[in-house]
N, C-alpha and C. Protein backbone atom coordinates (compact mmCIF):
# COMPACT_ATOMS: atom_id res chain seq x y z
N UNK A 1 95.09 83.36 190.68
CA UNK A 1 94.65 83.09 189.25
C UNK A 1 93.58 82.08 189.35
N UNK A 2 92.52 82.14 188.38
CA UNK A 2 91.53 81.20 188.38
C UNK A 2 91.73 80.16 187.34
N UNK A 3 91.45 78.85 187.63
CA UNK A 3 91.57 77.67 186.75
C UNK A 3 90.43 77.87 185.74
N UNK A 4 90.58 77.05 184.72
CA UNK A 4 89.41 76.92 183.76
C UNK A 4 88.22 76.20 184.50
N UNK A 5 88.55 75.17 185.25
CA UNK A 5 87.75 74.36 185.98
C UNK A 5 88.46 73.40 187.04
N UNK A 6 87.82 72.91 187.94
CA UNK A 6 88.55 71.99 188.83
C UNK A 6 88.73 72.46 190.18
N UNK A 7 88.41 73.78 190.56
CA UNK A 7 88.57 74.16 191.91
C UNK A 7 87.52 73.55 192.75
N UNK A 8 87.90 73.06 193.99
CA UNK A 8 86.83 72.44 194.87
C UNK A 8 86.83 70.96 194.91
N UNK A 9 87.58 70.42 193.92
CA UNK A 9 87.57 68.91 193.76
C UNK A 9 89.05 68.49 193.48
N UNK A 10 89.71 67.66 194.32
CA UNK A 10 91.04 67.26 194.15
C UNK A 10 91.27 66.58 192.80
N UNK A 11 90.51 65.58 192.50
CA UNK A 11 90.66 64.80 191.31
C UNK A 11 90.33 65.67 189.99
N UNK A 12 89.35 66.58 190.00
CA UNK A 12 89.07 67.32 188.99
C UNK A 12 90.22 68.40 188.74
N UNK A 13 90.77 69.01 189.87
CA UNK A 13 91.82 69.96 189.74
C UNK A 13 93.10 69.20 189.13
N UNK A 14 93.41 68.01 189.71
CA UNK A 14 94.63 67.34 189.09
C UNK A 14 94.44 67.00 187.78
N UNK A 15 93.27 66.65 187.15
CA UNK A 15 93.03 66.33 185.77
C UNK A 15 93.31 67.67 185.03
N UNK A 16 92.70 68.69 185.46
CA UNK A 16 92.92 69.95 184.74
C UNK A 16 94.37 70.41 184.68
N UNK A 17 95.06 70.28 185.86
CA UNK A 17 96.39 70.89 185.97
C UNK A 17 97.52 69.88 185.27
N UNK A 18 97.23 68.56 185.07
CA UNK A 18 98.19 67.67 184.67
C UNK A 18 97.85 66.98 183.39
N UNK A 19 96.57 67.05 182.85
CA UNK A 19 96.24 66.24 181.70
C UNK A 19 95.42 66.97 180.68
N UNK A 20 94.43 67.85 181.17
CA UNK A 20 93.70 68.55 180.08
C UNK A 20 94.57 69.48 179.26
N UNK A 21 94.47 69.35 177.95
CA UNK A 21 95.28 70.07 177.05
C UNK A 21 96.64 69.64 176.83
N UNK A 22 96.97 68.42 177.43
CA UNK A 22 98.39 67.93 177.26
C UNK A 22 98.44 66.80 176.29
N UNK A 23 98.96 66.94 175.11
CA UNK A 23 99.14 65.77 174.09
C UNK A 23 99.64 64.56 174.68
N UNK A 24 99.04 63.44 174.43
CA UNK A 24 99.62 62.03 174.84
C UNK A 24 100.99 61.92 174.54
N UNK A 25 101.73 61.10 175.32
CA UNK A 25 103.21 60.93 175.25
C UNK A 25 103.61 59.98 174.14
N UNK A 26 102.83 59.12 173.73
CA UNK A 26 103.16 58.08 172.56
C UNK A 26 102.13 57.73 171.71
N UNK A 27 102.37 57.52 170.48
CA UNK A 27 101.29 57.15 169.46
C UNK A 27 101.87 55.84 168.76
N UNK A 28 101.21 54.73 169.13
CA UNK A 28 101.55 53.55 168.48
C UNK A 28 100.35 52.92 167.74
N UNK A 29 100.48 51.84 167.19
CA UNK A 29 99.51 51.16 166.18
C UNK A 29 98.22 50.91 167.04
N UNK A 30 98.42 50.54 168.38
CA UNK A 30 97.25 50.30 169.28
C UNK A 30 96.48 51.54 169.66
N UNK A 31 97.23 52.61 169.93
CA UNK A 31 96.56 53.92 170.09
C UNK A 31 95.67 53.81 171.29
N UNK A 32 95.94 53.04 172.32
CA UNK A 32 95.11 52.74 173.38
C UNK A 32 94.68 54.07 174.07
N UNK A 33 95.72 55.01 174.28
CA UNK A 33 95.53 56.20 175.05
C UNK A 33 94.54 57.13 174.30
N UNK A 34 94.64 57.13 173.02
CA UNK A 34 93.62 58.02 172.21
C UNK A 34 92.38 57.25 172.11
N UNK A 35 92.31 56.07 171.99
CA UNK A 35 90.95 55.41 172.04
C UNK A 35 90.41 55.42 173.40
N UNK A 36 91.03 55.54 174.44
CA UNK A 36 90.49 55.64 175.77
C UNK A 36 89.90 57.04 176.00
N UNK A 37 90.60 57.95 175.50
CA UNK A 37 90.11 59.34 175.52
C UNK A 37 88.75 59.65 174.65
N UNK A 38 88.81 58.98 173.47
CA UNK A 38 87.59 59.01 172.70
C UNK A 38 86.41 58.21 173.33
N UNK A 39 86.75 57.15 173.86
CA UNK A 39 85.69 56.32 174.46
C UNK A 39 85.13 57.04 175.73
N UNK A 40 85.94 57.66 176.43
CA UNK A 40 85.39 58.34 177.75
C UNK A 40 84.52 59.55 177.31
N UNK A 41 84.87 60.23 176.21
CA UNK A 41 83.99 61.27 175.72
C UNK A 41 82.63 60.66 175.27
N UNK A 42 82.66 59.42 174.59
CA UNK A 42 81.40 58.73 174.36
C UNK A 42 80.45 58.70 175.48
N UNK A 43 81.00 58.14 176.66
CA UNK A 43 80.36 57.85 177.81
C UNK A 43 79.89 59.20 178.59
N UNK A 44 80.64 60.17 178.22
CA UNK A 44 80.39 61.53 179.05
C UNK A 44 79.22 62.23 178.40
N UNK A 45 78.77 61.83 177.27
CA UNK A 45 77.61 62.58 176.54
C UNK A 45 76.43 62.61 177.50
N UNK A 46 76.03 63.82 177.79
CA UNK A 46 74.79 63.91 178.68
C UNK A 46 75.08 64.04 180.02
N UNK A 47 76.32 63.66 180.54
CA UNK A 47 76.87 63.56 181.83
C UNK A 47 77.89 64.54 182.13
N UNK A 48 78.21 64.50 183.37
CA UNK A 48 79.31 65.53 183.77
C UNK A 48 80.71 64.80 183.67
N UNK A 49 81.77 65.41 183.33
CA UNK A 49 83.06 64.84 183.13
C UNK A 49 83.71 64.37 184.48
N UNK A 50 83.28 65.02 185.50
CA UNK A 50 83.79 64.46 186.83
C UNK A 50 83.34 63.15 187.19
N UNK A 51 82.03 62.90 186.75
CA UNK A 51 81.49 61.50 186.88
C UNK A 51 82.29 60.46 186.20
N UNK A 52 82.71 60.70 184.97
CA UNK A 52 83.49 59.92 184.16
C UNK A 52 84.87 59.68 184.86
N UNK A 53 85.57 60.86 185.35
CA UNK A 53 86.87 60.60 185.90
C UNK A 53 86.80 59.77 187.14
N UNK A 54 85.80 60.00 188.05
CA UNK A 54 85.65 59.11 189.25
C UNK A 54 85.46 57.66 188.95
N UNK A 55 85.09 57.36 187.75
CA UNK A 55 84.97 55.90 187.23
C UNK A 55 86.02 55.50 186.30
N UNK A 56 87.08 56.29 185.99
CA UNK A 56 88.08 55.94 184.93
C UNK A 56 88.66 54.67 185.10
N UNK A 57 89.08 54.37 186.38
CA UNK A 57 89.96 53.08 186.53
C UNK A 57 88.96 51.89 186.44
N UNK A 58 87.71 52.13 186.77
CA UNK A 58 86.69 51.00 186.48
C UNK A 58 86.56 50.80 185.07
N UNK A 59 86.39 51.98 184.23
CA UNK A 59 86.35 51.88 182.73
C UNK A 59 87.53 51.11 182.15
N UNK A 60 88.72 51.38 182.62
CA UNK A 60 89.96 50.87 182.07
C UNK A 60 89.94 49.40 182.41
N UNK A 61 89.52 48.88 183.55
CA UNK A 61 89.53 47.58 183.77
C UNK A 61 88.51 46.82 183.01
N UNK A 62 87.32 47.38 182.81
CA UNK A 62 86.17 46.83 182.12
C UNK A 62 86.37 46.61 180.65
N UNK A 63 87.28 47.61 180.02
CA UNK A 63 87.48 47.67 178.60
C UNK A 63 89.00 47.31 178.35
N UNK A 64 89.61 46.55 179.08
CA UNK A 64 90.95 45.94 178.83
C UNK A 64 91.89 46.96 178.52
N UNK A 65 91.91 47.90 179.37
CA UNK A 65 92.96 49.13 179.15
C UNK A 65 92.72 49.95 177.85
N UNK A 66 91.46 49.75 177.31
CA UNK A 66 91.07 50.31 176.17
C UNK A 66 91.98 49.89 174.79
N UNK A 67 92.35 48.69 174.81
CA UNK A 67 93.11 48.23 173.84
C UNK A 67 92.07 47.92 172.68
N UNK A 68 92.16 48.67 171.47
CA UNK A 68 90.97 48.54 170.48
C UNK A 68 90.93 47.04 169.92
N UNK A 69 92.14 46.27 169.84
CA UNK A 69 92.14 45.21 169.17
C UNK A 69 91.36 44.10 170.25
N UNK A 70 91.38 44.27 171.47
CA UNK A 70 90.64 43.45 172.35
C UNK A 70 89.14 43.88 172.42
N UNK A 71 88.94 45.14 172.56
CA UNK A 71 87.53 45.64 172.71
C UNK A 71 86.78 45.36 171.44
N UNK A 72 87.39 45.31 170.37
CA UNK A 72 86.72 45.08 168.93
C UNK A 72 86.19 43.64 169.03
N UNK A 73 86.66 42.75 169.89
CA UNK A 73 86.20 41.31 169.90
C UNK A 73 85.29 41.14 170.91
N UNK A 74 84.74 42.17 171.61
CA UNK A 74 83.74 41.87 172.77
C UNK A 74 82.45 41.46 171.95
N UNK A 75 81.83 40.36 172.56
CA UNK A 75 80.51 39.80 171.97
C UNK A 75 79.38 40.25 172.92
N UNK A 76 78.30 39.56 172.50
CA UNK A 76 77.15 39.94 173.27
C UNK A 76 77.07 39.65 174.66
N UNK A 77 77.81 38.57 175.10
CA UNK A 77 77.85 38.16 176.49
C UNK A 77 78.71 39.15 177.26
N UNK A 78 79.78 39.65 176.65
CA UNK A 78 80.58 40.63 177.24
C UNK A 78 79.72 41.96 177.50
N UNK A 79 79.08 42.27 176.46
CA UNK A 79 78.13 43.47 176.62
C UNK A 79 77.18 43.38 177.79
N UNK A 80 76.58 42.10 177.91
CA UNK A 80 75.64 42.00 179.04
C UNK A 80 76.36 42.02 180.33
N UNK A 81 77.63 41.68 180.48
CA UNK A 81 78.44 41.61 181.69
C UNK A 81 78.74 43.23 181.98
N UNK A 82 78.99 43.92 180.96
CA UNK A 82 79.40 45.46 181.05
C UNK A 82 78.07 46.08 181.62
N UNK A 83 76.90 45.89 181.12
CA UNK A 83 75.77 46.39 181.46
C UNK A 83 75.50 46.07 183.01
N UNK A 84 75.91 45.01 183.58
CA UNK A 84 75.79 44.87 184.95
C UNK A 84 76.94 45.28 185.85
N UNK A 85 77.88 45.97 185.19
CA UNK A 85 79.03 46.45 185.88
C UNK A 85 78.71 47.76 186.48
N UNK A 86 78.60 47.82 187.78
CA UNK A 86 78.22 49.08 188.58
C UNK A 86 79.24 50.13 188.60
N UNK A 87 80.52 49.64 188.18
CA UNK A 87 81.59 50.67 188.20
C UNK A 87 81.75 51.57 187.12
N UNK A 88 80.98 51.20 185.96
CA UNK A 88 80.99 52.07 184.76
C UNK A 88 79.64 52.70 184.65
N UNK A 89 79.44 53.38 183.35
CA UNK A 89 78.21 53.90 182.96
C UNK A 89 77.44 52.80 182.15
N UNK A 90 76.39 52.20 182.73
CA UNK A 90 75.78 51.07 182.20
C UNK A 90 74.66 51.48 181.22
N UNK A 91 75.20 51.96 180.07
CA UNK A 91 74.34 52.41 178.97
C UNK A 91 74.72 51.63 177.76
N UNK A 92 73.66 50.73 177.31
CA UNK A 92 73.91 49.78 176.28
C UNK A 92 74.56 50.50 175.05
N UNK A 93 73.75 51.50 174.64
CA UNK A 93 74.18 52.28 173.34
C UNK A 93 75.63 52.74 173.45
N UNK A 94 76.02 53.26 174.61
CA UNK A 94 77.36 53.82 174.65
C UNK A 94 78.37 52.60 174.67
N UNK A 95 78.00 51.49 175.31
CA UNK A 95 78.87 50.31 175.38
C UNK A 95 79.00 49.77 173.99
N UNK A 96 77.96 49.61 173.28
CA UNK A 96 78.05 49.07 171.93
C UNK A 96 78.70 50.12 171.02
N UNK A 97 78.50 51.37 171.12
CA UNK A 97 79.30 52.29 170.36
C UNK A 97 80.77 52.17 170.63
N UNK A 98 81.27 52.00 171.82
CA UNK A 98 82.64 51.86 172.10
C UNK A 98 83.12 50.64 171.40
N UNK A 99 82.45 49.46 171.41
CA UNK A 99 82.89 48.34 170.67
C UNK A 99 83.03 48.61 169.12
N UNK A 100 81.95 49.37 168.61
CA UNK A 100 81.90 49.53 167.15
C UNK A 100 83.16 50.49 166.91
N UNK A 101 83.44 51.53 167.70
CA UNK A 101 84.48 52.39 167.47
C UNK A 101 85.77 51.74 167.53
N UNK A 102 86.06 50.73 168.51
CA UNK A 102 87.23 49.90 168.36
C UNK A 102 87.38 49.10 167.06
N UNK A 103 86.35 48.76 166.50
CA UNK A 103 86.34 47.90 165.35
C UNK A 103 86.72 48.98 164.14
N UNK A 104 86.25 50.14 164.12
CA UNK A 104 86.57 51.13 163.20
C UNK A 104 88.01 51.58 163.44
N UNK A 105 88.66 51.67 164.64
CA UNK A 105 90.01 51.84 164.65
C UNK A 105 90.87 50.90 164.01
N UNK A 106 90.53 49.61 164.09
CA UNK A 106 91.17 48.56 163.41
C UNK A 106 91.13 48.71 161.94
N UNK A 107 89.95 49.06 161.45
CA UNK A 107 89.66 49.18 160.00
C UNK A 107 90.63 50.31 159.51
N UNK A 108 90.73 51.47 160.28
CA UNK A 108 91.45 52.47 159.93
C UNK A 108 92.97 52.01 159.74
N UNK A 109 93.55 51.18 160.71
CA UNK A 109 94.83 50.69 160.61
C UNK A 109 94.96 49.88 159.43
N UNK A 110 93.99 48.98 159.01
CA UNK A 110 94.01 48.11 157.77
C UNK A 110 94.07 49.08 156.49
N UNK A 111 93.64 50.34 156.67
CA UNK A 111 93.76 51.19 155.52
C UNK A 111 94.96 51.99 155.53
N UNK A 112 95.83 51.83 156.56
CA UNK A 112 96.96 52.63 156.60
C UNK A 112 96.81 53.92 157.28
N UNK A 113 95.74 54.15 158.08
CA UNK A 113 95.30 55.35 158.86
C UNK A 113 95.49 55.05 160.30
N UNK A 114 95.56 56.18 161.16
CA UNK A 114 95.34 55.98 162.50
C UNK A 114 94.74 57.19 163.13
N UNK A 115 94.25 57.04 164.28
CA UNK A 115 93.58 58.17 164.97
C UNK A 115 94.37 59.37 165.16
N UNK A 116 95.65 59.10 165.46
CA UNK A 116 96.59 60.24 165.77
C UNK A 116 96.73 61.20 164.42
N UNK A 117 96.96 60.54 163.44
CA UNK A 117 97.01 61.22 162.04
C UNK A 117 95.81 61.90 161.71
N UNK A 118 94.67 61.23 161.97
CA UNK A 118 93.35 61.93 161.66
C UNK A 118 93.08 63.08 162.37
N UNK A 119 93.42 63.03 163.74
CA UNK A 119 93.25 64.25 164.67
C UNK A 119 94.05 65.35 164.18
N UNK A 120 95.47 64.92 163.95
CA UNK A 120 96.33 66.01 163.66
C UNK A 120 95.98 66.70 162.36
N UNK A 121 95.27 66.07 161.41
CA UNK A 121 94.92 66.63 160.15
C UNK A 121 93.94 67.69 160.24
N UNK A 122 93.15 67.65 161.51
CA UNK A 122 92.07 68.64 161.57
C UNK A 122 92.40 69.62 162.77
N UNK A 123 93.59 69.76 162.94
CA UNK A 123 93.98 70.83 163.89
C UNK A 123 93.81 72.23 163.37
N UNK A 124 93.23 73.25 163.99
CA UNK A 124 93.11 74.51 163.47
C UNK A 124 94.34 75.33 163.37
N UNK A 125 94.35 76.26 162.56
CA UNK A 125 95.47 77.27 162.42
C UNK A 125 95.62 78.06 163.65
N UNK A 126 94.62 78.39 164.40
CA UNK A 126 94.66 78.99 165.68
C UNK A 126 94.62 77.96 166.75
N UNK A 127 95.76 77.60 167.20
CA UNK A 127 95.94 76.55 168.23
C UNK A 127 95.57 77.05 169.60
N UNK A 128 95.96 78.23 169.96
CA UNK A 128 95.95 78.75 171.24
C UNK A 128 94.80 79.88 171.42
N UNK A 129 93.88 79.68 172.35
CA UNK A 129 93.06 80.82 172.60
C UNK A 129 93.21 81.27 174.04
N UNK A 130 92.96 82.42 174.43
CA UNK A 130 93.05 82.90 175.76
C UNK A 130 91.91 83.65 176.25
N UNK A 131 90.63 83.01 176.37
CA UNK A 131 89.56 83.87 176.62
C UNK A 131 89.43 84.02 178.10
N UNK A 132 88.58 84.95 178.49
CA UNK A 132 88.54 85.34 180.03
C UNK A 132 87.56 84.46 180.73
N UNK A 133 86.75 83.77 180.25
CA UNK A 133 85.72 82.93 180.97
C UNK A 133 85.52 81.70 180.17
N UNK A 134 85.40 80.64 180.95
CA UNK A 134 85.20 79.33 180.27
C UNK A 134 83.89 79.45 179.47
N UNK A 135 82.80 80.12 180.01
CA UNK A 135 81.68 80.21 179.30
C UNK A 135 81.75 80.91 177.86
N UNK A 136 82.77 81.56 177.65
CA UNK A 136 83.03 82.29 176.45
C UNK A 136 83.47 81.33 175.29
N UNK A 137 83.82 80.03 175.70
CA UNK A 137 84.23 79.16 174.70
C UNK A 137 82.97 78.70 173.88
N UNK A 138 83.24 78.40 172.59
CA UNK A 138 82.14 77.97 171.79
C UNK A 138 81.73 76.55 172.11
N UNK A 139 80.65 76.03 171.60
CA UNK A 139 80.21 74.67 171.78
C UNK A 139 81.16 73.85 170.99
N UNK A 140 81.53 74.16 169.86
CA UNK A 140 82.50 73.57 168.93
C UNK A 140 83.06 74.58 167.92
N UNK A 141 84.15 74.07 167.30
CA UNK A 141 84.81 74.90 166.20
C UNK A 141 84.53 74.14 164.83
N UNK A 142 84.88 74.99 163.76
CA UNK A 142 84.58 74.39 162.45
C UNK A 142 85.34 73.07 162.23
N UNK A 143 86.62 73.04 162.79
CA UNK A 143 87.51 71.92 162.54
C UNK A 143 86.97 70.71 163.40
N UNK A 144 86.27 70.93 164.47
CA UNK A 144 85.54 69.81 165.25
C UNK A 144 84.43 69.25 164.33
N UNK A 145 83.73 70.11 163.68
CA UNK A 145 82.65 69.73 162.81
C UNK A 145 83.27 68.79 161.59
N UNK A 146 84.43 69.17 161.14
CA UNK A 146 84.99 68.46 159.92
C UNK A 146 85.60 67.17 160.53
N UNK A 147 86.15 67.14 161.74
CA UNK A 147 86.69 65.85 162.33
C UNK A 147 85.58 64.91 162.61
N UNK A 148 84.42 65.55 163.16
CA UNK A 148 83.24 64.64 163.35
C UNK A 148 82.77 63.96 162.13
N UNK A 149 82.73 64.86 161.05
CA UNK A 149 82.30 64.22 159.81
C UNK A 149 83.17 63.06 159.23
N UNK A 150 84.58 63.37 159.53
CA UNK A 150 85.55 62.42 159.05
C UNK A 150 85.34 60.99 159.83
N UNK A 151 85.20 61.18 161.17
CA UNK A 151 85.02 59.93 161.95
C UNK A 151 83.69 59.22 161.68
N UNK A 152 82.73 59.92 161.35
CA UNK A 152 81.42 59.25 160.95
C UNK A 152 81.50 58.62 159.66
N UNK A 153 82.27 59.10 158.66
CA UNK A 153 82.49 58.67 157.36
C UNK A 153 83.24 57.24 157.53
N UNK A 154 83.98 57.13 158.57
CA UNK A 154 84.68 55.88 158.95
C UNK A 154 83.87 54.86 159.79
N UNK A 155 82.68 55.28 160.06
CA UNK A 155 81.83 54.30 160.86
C UNK A 155 81.74 54.54 162.37
N UNK A 156 82.46 55.65 162.83
CA UNK A 156 82.49 55.87 164.28
C UNK A 156 81.11 56.43 164.76
N UNK A 157 80.65 56.11 165.95
CA UNK A 157 79.43 56.73 166.49
C UNK A 157 79.58 57.35 167.82
N UNK A 158 78.65 58.23 168.10
CA UNK A 158 78.75 59.11 169.14
C UNK A 158 79.87 60.08 169.05
N UNK A 159 80.01 60.71 168.02
CA UNK A 159 81.17 61.57 167.68
C UNK A 159 80.68 62.80 167.09
N UNK A 160 79.66 63.47 167.75
CA UNK A 160 79.21 64.77 167.35
C UNK A 160 80.29 65.88 167.46
N UNK A 161 79.94 67.07 166.98
CA UNK A 161 80.91 68.18 166.95
C UNK A 161 81.28 68.55 168.40
N UNK A 162 80.23 68.62 169.43
CA UNK A 162 80.50 69.13 170.62
C UNK A 162 81.44 68.20 171.43
N UNK A 163 81.23 66.87 171.37
CA UNK A 163 82.11 65.95 172.04
C UNK A 163 83.46 65.78 171.38
N UNK A 164 83.45 65.90 170.19
CA UNK A 164 84.68 65.90 169.44
C UNK A 164 85.58 67.14 169.67
N UNK A 165 84.95 68.26 169.82
CA UNK A 165 85.63 69.55 170.29
C UNK A 165 86.30 69.36 171.64
N UNK A 166 85.32 68.73 172.43
CA UNK A 166 85.99 68.59 173.93
C UNK A 166 87.08 67.39 173.88
N UNK A 167 87.08 66.65 172.96
CA UNK A 167 88.20 65.64 172.89
C UNK A 167 89.48 66.43 172.37
N UNK A 168 89.20 67.39 171.39
CA UNK A 168 90.35 68.04 170.87
C UNK A 168 91.05 68.92 172.00
N UNK A 169 90.16 69.46 172.88
CA UNK A 169 90.67 70.31 174.08
C UNK A 169 91.53 69.42 174.97
N UNK A 170 90.94 68.24 175.24
CA UNK A 170 91.47 67.47 176.25
C UNK A 170 92.85 66.96 175.68
N UNK A 171 93.02 66.66 174.43
CA UNK A 171 94.24 66.02 173.98
C UNK A 171 95.34 67.16 173.38
N UNK A 172 94.94 68.33 173.80
CA UNK A 172 95.80 69.54 173.52
C UNK A 172 95.99 69.75 171.90
N UNK A 173 95.13 69.33 171.15
CA UNK A 173 95.02 69.55 169.83
C UNK A 173 94.74 71.02 169.57
N UNK A 174 93.95 71.51 170.56
CA UNK A 174 93.79 73.11 170.75
C UNK A 174 94.01 73.33 172.16
N UNK A 175 94.51 74.58 172.49
CA UNK A 175 94.87 74.98 173.86
C UNK A 175 93.90 76.07 174.22
N UNK A 176 92.79 75.77 174.87
CA UNK A 176 91.82 76.71 175.39
C UNK A 176 92.02 77.03 176.79
N UNK A 177 93.02 77.02 177.53
CA UNK A 177 93.11 77.35 178.88
C UNK A 177 92.87 78.96 178.88
N UNK A 178 92.17 79.40 179.91
CA UNK A 178 91.81 80.74 180.03
C UNK A 178 93.13 81.72 180.40
N UNK A 179 92.83 82.88 179.98
CA UNK A 179 94.04 83.92 180.21
C UNK A 179 94.37 83.84 181.63
N UNK A 180 93.53 83.66 182.63
CA UNK A 180 93.65 83.70 184.03
C UNK A 180 94.22 82.46 184.68
N UNK A 181 94.31 81.40 183.82
CA UNK A 181 94.70 80.06 184.46
C UNK A 181 96.11 79.96 184.62
N UNK A 182 96.62 79.40 185.79
CA UNK A 182 97.94 79.22 186.03
C UNK A 182 98.60 78.32 185.09
N UNK A 183 97.82 77.30 184.59
CA UNK A 183 98.47 76.32 183.64
C UNK A 183 98.75 77.01 182.24
N UNK A 184 97.88 77.97 181.85
CA UNK A 184 98.11 78.72 180.72
C UNK A 184 99.50 79.44 180.80
N UNK A 185 99.65 80.01 181.94
CA UNK A 185 100.87 80.80 182.18
C UNK A 185 102.02 79.95 182.06
N UNK A 186 102.00 78.67 182.49
CA UNK A 186 103.17 77.67 182.31
C UNK A 186 103.30 77.37 180.97
N UNK A 187 102.22 77.11 180.20
CA UNK A 187 102.34 76.76 178.69
C UNK A 187 102.98 77.89 177.96
N UNK A 188 102.42 79.17 178.28
CA UNK A 188 103.01 80.23 177.57
C UNK A 188 104.48 80.53 177.84
N UNK A 189 104.82 80.18 178.90
CA UNK A 189 106.32 80.37 179.15
C UNK A 189 107.32 79.30 178.63
N UNK A 190 106.72 78.24 178.05
CA UNK A 190 107.55 77.21 177.48
C UNK A 190 108.44 77.77 176.32
N UNK A 191 109.56 77.18 176.10
CA UNK A 191 110.30 77.63 174.96
C UNK A 191 109.77 77.05 173.69
N UNK A 192 109.89 77.82 172.78
CA UNK A 192 109.41 77.46 171.36
C UNK A 192 109.95 76.03 171.00
N UNK A 193 109.10 75.16 170.48
CA UNK A 193 109.67 73.87 170.17
C UNK A 193 108.69 73.16 169.14
N UNK A 194 109.05 72.18 168.46
CA UNK A 194 108.15 71.55 167.48
C UNK A 194 107.06 70.88 168.18
N UNK A 195 105.85 71.10 167.74
CA UNK A 195 104.59 70.63 168.62
C UNK A 195 104.43 69.23 168.19
N UNK A 196 104.09 68.42 169.38
CA UNK A 196 103.96 66.91 169.01
C UNK A 196 102.96 66.57 168.06
N UNK A 197 101.83 67.32 168.03
CA UNK A 197 100.83 67.18 166.89
C UNK A 197 101.23 67.54 165.54
N UNK A 198 102.20 68.39 165.47
CA UNK A 198 102.68 68.64 164.11
C UNK A 198 103.57 67.43 163.66
N UNK A 199 104.26 66.76 164.47
CA UNK A 199 105.07 65.69 164.37
C UNK A 199 104.23 64.29 163.92
N UNK A 200 103.13 64.37 164.54
CA UNK A 200 102.19 63.12 164.40
C UNK A 200 101.98 62.86 162.94
N UNK A 201 101.52 63.87 162.21
CA UNK A 201 101.03 63.75 160.86
C UNK A 201 102.11 63.17 159.99
N UNK A 202 103.44 63.07 160.39
CA UNK A 202 104.51 62.68 159.54
C UNK A 202 104.78 61.14 159.94
N UNK A 203 104.07 60.66 161.03
CA UNK A 203 104.43 59.30 161.36
C UNK A 203 103.54 58.28 160.74
N UNK A 204 104.09 57.02 160.54
CA UNK A 204 103.24 56.01 160.08
C UNK A 204 102.53 55.34 161.18
N UNK A 205 101.48 54.58 160.89
CA UNK A 205 100.69 53.99 161.76
C UNK A 205 101.51 52.87 162.81
N UNK A 206 102.57 52.39 162.40
CA UNK A 206 103.23 51.42 162.99
C UNK A 206 104.38 52.03 163.83
N UNK A 207 104.58 53.37 163.72
CA UNK A 207 105.62 53.97 164.65
C UNK A 207 105.16 54.07 166.07
N UNK A 208 105.97 53.92 166.98
CA UNK A 208 105.67 54.08 168.52
C UNK A 208 105.88 55.43 168.91
């Protein structure tokens, strides 16, 4: 059976088989995991996802484990240090966007919102697709357009519909594994259960 992607590279294959399309395990007020995934999508714009994966640990170290409360406090001197960090993508606009987005996460928390709830609120009614070729997937879906708009209204940057849709796929907000994919077979064989994204919308920002 053919994977959606990842054949030929161990890191890429492992990401596909164990992480892509899998909801995060915990949602707390810090939302570090969601913020990491959002931030990596920012850095991926115009680049390959494999390039980002190969630098992921360097990104985590450079951005304090993607704790938004810490990243939000990065000043100009930290930005200059990051631009000199050869382990990450040294793009000033993307670095500054990540800091801005961390500040916007904290602003959401102050308003009683969180990323998890916002993402869950934009989940489509058709969660699972089983297309025959990865090329058959659209560049984005209507719900990604609406989520992009919602993020932009809150001051987030580098959150266009295409990379927001990629984020939705990566987080398991939608399940776009191909019909031929062995992971799709495993997912389809799971017993029916309450979906974690259905539960998220009922949680408060302070729940872990």
